[in-house]
Amino acid sequence: MEALERTHDVQVWGAFYGDGEKQRIQQELAARFQRLWDTHAPEVYKGIPYDRDTYQRNGYEDDAMLVTQELYDALLKEYEGQEESEYHADLEYESISPEMIGRKWLVVVDYHT
């Protein structure tokens, strides 16, 4: 994907172009990337658009997800037993444990300056 963006000098994700030709190429690449994403993404991520508006005012329906075994293993398991750290917080001050699966919601916050 990155190689195609470099070849066409167009960024698909998070960019807007006033130039009509760049917009056309961007749309074509976005459609191609979406097909790749739909084919190769892990099952839990299927249906989530590859190139969605990151400035959506109130977020998206899937921004918070019920903790599944797959999400727990990928994002929480390494913190098992911890109540809080610089990388996670539970609003009910419970320690990270498998009991969260199917009961707690996970929100990933990507904060940077």
Foldseek 3Di string as FASTA:
>chain_A
DVVLCVVLVADQAPDDDPDPVNVVSSVVVQVVVQVVCCVDPPPVCHPPRPHDDPPPPVDDPVQKAQAAPVNCVVPPPVQAPDQDDPQDHDPVSDGDDPVSHRPPIDHDDDDDD
